[in-house]
Amino acid sequence: MDRTQHLALAAEAIDLATDLAHAAQRHAKTSARENAHACAAAVTAWTNVAAAHTALAALLPTTPKD
């Protein structure tokens, strides 16, 4: 994988984390509060995935070698 691919995967992970954070917020305001905890845990997991891909991208050159 090159830097661009890692950054794209990080962006996807952030999008998923954002969607799940909104879901957790919705669940917390309804009678389905027990689902909020699972969503919040998934937010943490996807944020960690994004951080890992970002860290890997930082280690790679900005342009791939030919």
PDB file of N, CA and C in Angstrom:
ATOM      1  N   MET A   1       0.834  -1.182   0.000  1.00  0.00           N
ATOM      2  CA  MET A   1       0.000   0.000   0.000  1.00  0.00           C
ATOM      3  C   MET A   1       0.874   1.238   0.000  1.00  0.00           C
ATOM      4  N   ASP A   2       0.418   2.232  -0.728  1.00  0.00           N
ATOM      5  CA  ASP A   2       1.167   3.479  -0.719  1.00  0.00           C
ATOM      6  C   ASP A   2       0.481   4.493   0.205  1.00  0.00           C
ATOM      7  N   ARG A   3       1.095   5.648   0.319  1.00  0.00           N
ATOM      8  CA  ARG A   3       0.631   6.694   1.231  1.00  0.00           C
ATOM      9  C   ARG A   3      -0.802   7.110   0.922  1.00  0.00           C
ATOM     10  N   THR A   4      -1.098   7.303  -0.344  1.00  0.00           N
ATOM     11  CA  THR A   4      -2.434   7.744  -0.759  1.00  0.00           C
ATOM     12  C   THR A   4      -3.503   6.729  -0.357  1.00  0.00           C
ATOM     13  N   GLN A   5      -3.203   5.462  -0.512  1.00  0.00           N
ATOM     14  CA  GLN A   5      -4.160   4.416  -0.134  1.00  0.00           C
ATOM     15  C   GLN A   5      -4.412   4.419   1.384  1.00  0.00           C
ATOM     16  N   HIS A   6      -3.349   4.591   2.153  1.00  0.00           N
ATOM     17  CA  HIS A   6      -3.513   4.642   3.605  1.00  0.00           C
ATOM     18  C   HIS A   6      -4.348   5.856   4.013  1.00  0.00           C
ATOM     19  N   LEU A   7      -4.110   6.986   3.378  1.00  0.00           N
ATOM     20  CA  LEU A   7      -4.881   8.182   3.698  1.00  0.00           C
ATOM     21  C   LEU A   7      -6.351   8.021   3.309  1.00  0.00           C
ATOM     22  N   ALA A   8      -6.597   7.345   2.200  1.00  0.00           N
ATOM     23  CA  ALA A   8      -7.982   7.093   1.784  1.00  0.00           C
ATOM     24  C   ALA A   8      -8.692   6.185   2.788  1.00  0.00           C
ATOM     25  N   LEU A   9      -8.001   5.154   3.255  1.00  0.00           N
ATOM     26  CA  LEU A   9      -8.591   4.263   4.249  1.00  0.00           C
ATOM     27  C   LEU A   9      -8.817   4.981   5.578  1.00  0.00           C
ATOM     28  N   ALA A  10      -7.923   5.875   5.928  1.00  0.00           N
ATOM     29  CA  ALA A  10      -8.105   6.667   7.142  1.00  0.00           C
ATOM     30  C   ALA A  10      -9.349   7.547   7.018  1.00  0.00           C
ATOM     31  N   ALA A  11      -9.534   8.146   5.866  1.00  0.00           N
ATOM     32  CA  ALA A  11     -10.707   8.992   5.642  1.00  0.00           C
ATOM     33  C   ALA A  11     -11.994   8.174   5.723  1.00  0.00           C
ATOM     34  N   GLU A  12     -11.979   6.978   5.157  1.00  0.00           N
ATOM     35  CA  GLU A  12     -13.153   6.095   5.235  1.00  0.00           C
ATOM     36  C   GLU A  12     -13.452   5.720   6.683  1.00  0.00           C
ATOM     37  N   ALA A  13     -12.421   5.433   7.438  1.00  0.00           N
ATOM     38  CA  ALA A  13     -12.606   5.070   8.842  1.00  0.00           C
ATOM     39  C   ALA A  13     -13.191   6.241   9.638  1.00  0.00           C
ATOM     40  N   ILE A  14     -12.738   7.448   9.337  1.00  0.00           N
ATOM     41  CA  ILE A  14     -13.279   8.638  10.014  1.00  0.00           C
ATOM     42  C   ILE A  14     -14.747   8.833   9.649  1.00  0.00           C
ATOM     43  N   ASP A  15     -15.095   8.605   8.388  1.00  0.00           N
ATOM     44  CA  ASP A  15     -16.501   8.711   7.975  1.00  0.00           C
ATOM     45  C   ASP A  15     -17.371   7.712   8.738  1.00  0.00           C
ATOM     46  N   LEU A  16     -16.887   6.482   8.864  1.00  0.00           N
ATOM     47  CA  LEU A  16     -17.627   5.470   9.617  1.00  0.00           C
ATOM     48  C   LEU A  16     -17.748   5.858  11.088  1.00  0.00           C
ATOM     49  N   ALA A  17     -16.674   6.346  11.670  1.00  0.00           N
ATOM     50  CA  ALA A  17     -16.702   6.767  13.069  1.00  0.00           C
ATOM     51  C   ALA A  17     -17.695   7.907  13.270  1.00  0.00           C
ATOM     52  N   THR A  18     -17.729   8.828  12.338  1.00  0.00           N
ATOM     53  CA  THR A  18     -18.670   9.952  12.422  1.00  0.00           C
ATOM     54  C   THR A  18     -20.111   9.466  12.368  1.00  0.00           C
ATOM     55  N   ASP A  19     -20.398   8.571  11.431  1.00  0.00           N
ATOM     56  CA  ASP A  19     -21.751   8.013  11.321  1.00  0.00           C
ATOM     57  C   ASP A  19     -22.148   7.293  12.609  1.00  0.00           C
ATOM     58  N   LEU A  20     -21.232   6.528  13.161  1.00  0.00           N
ATOM     59  CA  LEU A  20     -21.518   5.795  14.391  1.00  0.00           C
ATOM     60  C   LEU A  20     -21.674   6.736  15.594  1.00  0.00           C
ATOM     61  N   ALA A  21     -20.926   7.817  15.604  1.00  0.00           N
ATOM     62  CA  ALA A  21     -21.076   8.801  16.684  1.00  0.00           C
ATOM     63  C   ALA A  21     -22.460   9.430  16.646  1.00  0.00           C
ATOM     64  N   HIS A  22     -22.928   9.728  15.440  1.00  0.00           N
ATOM     65  CA  HIS A  22     -24.283  10.264  15.305  1.00  0.00           C
ATOM     66  C   HIS A  22     -25.319   9.235  15.750  1.00  0.00           C
ATOM     67  N   ALA A  23     -25.099   7.986  15.401  1.00  0.00           N
ATOM     68  CA  ALA A  23     -26.012   6.923  15.822  1.00  0.00           C
ATOM     69  C   ALA A  23     -26.013   6.790  17.349  1.00  0.00           C
ATOM     70  N   ALA A  24     -24.851   6.864  17.954  1.00  0.00           N
ATOM     71  CA  ALA A  24     -24.760   6.781  19.415  1.00  0.00           C
ATOM     72  C   ALA A  24     -25.526   7.928  20.057  1.00  0.00           C
ATOM     73  N   GLN A  25     -25.395   9.094  19.474  1.00  0.00           N
ATOM     74  CA  GLN A  25     -26.102  10.260  20.001  1.00  0.00           C
ATOM     75  C   GLN A  25     -27.618  10.079  19.886  1.00  0.00           C
ATOM     76  N   ARG A  26     -28.066   9.560  18.750  1.00  0.00           N
ATOM     77  CA  ARG A  26     -29.504   9.307  18.569  1.00  0.00           C
ATOM     78  C   ARG A  26     -30.002   8.273  19.576  1.00  0.00           C
ATOM     79  N   HIS A  27     -29.241   7.189  19.738  1.00  0.00           N
ATOM     80  CA  HIS A  27     -29.641   6.134  20.670  1.00  0.00           C
ATOM     81  C   HIS A  27     -29.686   6.645  22.109  1.00  0.00           C
ATOM     82  N   ALA A  28     -28.753   7.509  22.444  1.00  0.00           N
ATOM     83  CA  ALA A  28     -28.696   8.031  23.816  1.00  0.00           C
ATOM     84  C   ALA A  28     -29.921   8.871  24.150  1.00  0.00           C
ATOM     85  N   LYS A  29     -30.559   9.420  23.142  1.00  0.00           N
ATOM     86  CA  LYS A  29     -31.726  10.284  23.358  1.00  0.00           C
ATOM     87  C   LYS A  29     -33.050   9.540  23.268  1.00  0.00           C
ATOM     88  N   THR A  30     -32.994   8.222  23.048  1.00  0.00           N
ATOM     89  CA  THR A  30     -34.216   7.446  22.893  1.00  0.00           C
ATOM     90  C   THR A  30     -34.261   6.328  23.918  1.00  0.00           C
ATOM     91  N   SER A  31     -35.256   5.480  23.779  1.00  0.00           N
ATOM     92  CA  SER A  31     -35.369   4.338  24.692  1.00  0.00           C
ATOM     93  C   SER A  31     -34.349   3.247  24.363  1.00  0.00           C
ATOM     94  N   ALA A  32     -33.609   3.401  23.264  1.00  0.00           N
ATOM     95  CA  ALA A  32     -32.602   2.408  22.859  1.00  0.00           C
ATOM     96  C   ALA A  32     -31.215   2.788  23.382  1.00  0.00           C
ATOM     97  N   ARG A  33     -31.174   3.301  24.604  1.00  0.00           N
ATOM     98  CA  ARG A  33     -29.906   3.774  25.173  1.00  0.00           C
ATOM     99  C   ARG A  33     -28.841   2.696  25.254  1.00  0.00           C
ATOM    100  N   GLU A  34     -29.259   1.450  25.414  1.00  0.00           N
ATOM    101  CA  GLU A  34     -28.265   0.369  25.523  1.00  0.00           C
ATOM    102  C   GLU A  34     -27.438   0.235  24.246  1.00  0.00           C
ATOM    103  N   ASN A  35     -27.980   0.682  23.117  1.00  0.00           N
ATOM    104  CA  ASN A  35     -27.233   0.629  21.853  1.00  0.00           C
ATOM    105  C   ASN A  35     -26.175   1.725  21.757  1.00  0.00           C
ATOM    106  N   ALA A  36     -26.322   2.763  22.535  1.00  0.00           N
ATOM    107  CA  ALA A  36     -25.367   3.875  22.492  1.00  0.00           C
ATOM    108  C   ALA A  36     -23.969   3.415  22.883  1.00  0.00           C
ATOM    109  N   HIS A  37     -23.882   2.529  23.864  1.00  0.00           N
ATOM    110  CA  HIS A  37     -22.566   2.049  24.322  1.00  0.00           C
ATOM    111  C   HIS A  37     -21.844   1.267  23.225  1.00  0.00           C
ATOM    112  N   ALA A  38     -22.579   0.427  22.524  1.00  0.00           N
ATOM    113  CA  ALA A  38     -21.962  -0.346  21.438  1.00  0.00           C
ATOM    114  C   ALA A  38     -21.494   0.576  20.317  1.00  0.00           C
ATOM    115  N   CYS A  39     -22.308   1.555  19.990  1.00  0.00           N
ATOM    116  CA  CYS A  39     -21.916   2.507  18.944  1.00  0.00           C
ATOM    117  C   CYS A  39     -20.682   3.302  19.362  1.00  0.00           C
ATOM    118  N   ALA A  40     -20.658   3.722  20.622  1.00  0.00           N
ATOM    119  CA  ALA A  40     -19.503   4.484  21.112  1.00  0.00           C
ATOM    120  C   ALA A  40     -18.232   3.642  21.075  1.00  0.00           C
ATOM    121  N   ALA A  41     -18.343   2.370  21.403  1.00  0.00           N
ATOM    122  CA  ALA A  41     -17.176   1.487  21.338  1.00  0.00           C
ATOM    123  C   ALA A  41     -16.700   1.324  19.897  1.00  0.00           C
ATOM    124  N   ALA A  42     -17.647   1.229  18.974  1.00  0.00           N
ATOM    125  CA  ALA A  42     -17.280   1.118  17.555  1.00  0.00           C
ATOM    126  C   ALA A  42     -16.627   2.400  17.059  1.00  0.00           C
ATOM    127  N   VAL A  43     -17.067   3.542  17.563  1.00  0.00           N
ATOM    128  CA  VAL A  43     -16.428   4.821  17.205  1.00  0.00           C
ATOM    129  C   VAL A  43     -14.957   4.776  17.600  1.00  0.00           C
ATOM    130  N   THR A  44     -14.684   4.309  18.801  1.00  0.00           N
ATOM    131  CA  THR A  44     -13.299   4.208  19.272  1.00  0.00           C
ATOM    132  C   THR A  44     -12.479   3.290  18.372  1.00  0.00           C
ATOM    133  N   ALA A  45     -13.058   2.167  18.001  1.00  0.00           N
ATOM    134  CA  ALA A  45     -12.342   1.214  17.145  1.00  0.00           C
ATOM    135  C   ALA A  45     -12.015   1.840  15.793  1.00  0.00           C
ATOM    136  N   TRP A  46     -12.993   2.475  15.163  1.00  0.00           N
ATOM    137  CA  TRP A  46     -12.753   3.069  13.844  1.00  0.00           C
ATOM    138  C   TRP A  46     -11.797   4.260  13.925  1.00  0.00           C
ATOM    139  N   THR A  47     -11.834   4.975  15.028  1.00  0.00           N
ATOM    140  CA  THR A  47     -10.876   6.073  15.212  1.00  0.00           C
ATOM    141  C   THR A  47      -9.461   5.523  15.325  1.00  0.00           C
ATOM    142  N   ASN A  48      -9.315   4.397  16.008  1.00  0.00           N
ATOM    143  CA  ASN A  48      -7.996   3.745  16.108  1.00  0.00           C
ATOM    144  C   ASN A  48      -7.522   3.258  14.743  1.00  0.00           C
ATOM    145  N   VAL A  49      -8.427   2.742  13.930  1.00  0.00           N
ATOM    146  CA  VAL A  49      -8.073   2.315  12.567  1.00  0.00           C
ATOM    147  C   VAL A  49      -7.576   3.522  11.763  1.00  0.00           C
ATOM    148  N   ALA A  50      -8.294   4.630  11.867  1.00  0.00           N
ATOM    149  CA  ALA A  50      -7.884   5.848  11.149  1.00  0.00           C
ATOM    150  C   ALA A  50      -6.515   6.320  11.615  1.00  0.00           C
ATOM    151  N   ALA A  51      -6.286   6.288  12.922  1.00  0.00           N
ATOM    152  CA  ALA A  51      -4.991   6.714  13.455  1.00  0.00           C
ATOM    153  C   ALA A  51      -3.866   5.813  12.956  1.00  0.00           C
ATOM    154  N   ALA A  52      -4.121   4.519  12.883  1.00  0.00           N
ATOM    155  CA  ALA A  52      -3.099   3.588  12.405  1.00  0.00           C
ATOM    156  C   ALA A  52      -2.759   3.859  10.942  1.00  0.00           C
ATOM    157  N   HIS A  53      -3.774   4.056  10.115  1.00  0.00           N
ATOM    158  CA  HIS A  53      -3.513   4.333   8.702  1.00  0.00           C
ATOM    159  C   HIS A  53      -2.800   5.677   8.520  1.00  0.00           C
ATOM    160  N   THR A  54      -3.160   6.644   9.328  1.00  0.00           N
ATOM    161  CA  THR A  54      -2.488   7.943   9.255  1.00  0.00           C
ATOM    162  C   THR A  54      -1.021   7.821   9.650  1.00  0.00           C
ATOM    163  N   ALA A  55      -0.763   7.047  10.689  1.00  0.00           N
ATOM    164  CA  ALA A  55       0.626   6.840  11.124  1.00  0.00           C
ATOM    165  C   ALA A  55       1.431   6.116  10.057  1.00  0.00           C
ATOM    166  N   LEU A  56       0.831   5.116   9.428  1.00  0.00           N
ATOM    167  CA  LEU A  56       1.532   4.411   8.353  1.00  0.00           C
ATOM    168  C   LEU A  56       1.793   5.339   7.167  1.00  0.00           C
ATOM    169  N   ALA A  57       0.816   6.164   6.835  1.00  0.00           N
ATOM    170  CA  ALA A  57       0.997   7.106   5.723  1.00  0.00           C
ATOM    171  C   ALA A  57       2.136   8.080   6.006  1.00  0.00           C
ATOM    172  N   ALA A  58       2.267   8.479   7.260  1.00  0.00           N
ATOM    173  CA  ALA A  58       3.330   9.418   7.626  1.00  0.00           C
ATOM    174  C   ALA A  58       4.718   8.820   7.443  1.00  0.00           C
ATOM    175  N   LEU A  59       4.817   7.509   7.498  1.00  0.00           N
ATOM    176  CA  LEU A  59       6.110   6.839   7.350  1.00  0.00           C
ATOM    177  C   LEU A  59       6.505   6.623   5.892  1.00  0.00           C
ATOM    178  N   LEU A  60       5.542   6.770   4.996  1.00  0.00           N
ATOM    179  CA  LEU A  60       5.800   6.482   3.584  1.00  0.00           C
ATOM    180  C   LEU A  60       6.130   7.752   2.810  1.00  0.00           C
ATOM    181  N   PRO A  61       6.855   7.613   1.721  1.00  0.00           N
ATOM    182  CA  PRO A  61       7.172   8.793   0.905  1.00  0.00           C
ATOM    183  C   PRO A  61       5.893   9.378   0.280  1.00  0.00           C
ATOM    184  N   THR A  62       5.957  10.666  -0.023  1.00  0.00           N
ATOM    185  CA  THR A  62       4.781  11.342  -0.574  1.00  0.00           C
ATOM    186  C   THR A  62       4.480  10.886  -2.001  1.00  0.00           C
ATOM    187  N   THR A  63       5.479  10.411  -2.705  1.00  0.00           N
ATOM    188  CA  THR A  63       5.267   9.874  -4.060  1.00  0.00           C
ATOM    189  C   THR A  63       5.849   8.481  -4.118  1.00  0.00           C
ATOM    190  N   PRO A  64       5.132   7.549  -4.742  1.00  0.00           N
ATOM    191  CA  PRO A  64       5.668   6.185  -4.831  1.00  0.00           C
ATOM    192  C   PRO A  64       6.904   6.128  -5.715  1.00  0.00           C
ATOM    193  N   LYS A  65       7.811   5.194  -5.379  1.00  0.00           N
ATOM    194  CA  LYS A  65       9.009   4.999  -6.204  1.00  0.00           C
ATOM    195  C   LYS A  65       8.625   4.244  -7.461  1.00  0.00           C
ATOM    196  N   ASP A  66       9.279   4.579  -8.556  1.00  0.00           N
ATOM    197  CA  ASP A  66       9.011   3.902  -9.827  1.00  0.00           C
ATOM    198  C   ASP A  66       9.716   2.566  -9.901  1.00  0.00           C
TER     199      ASP A  66
END
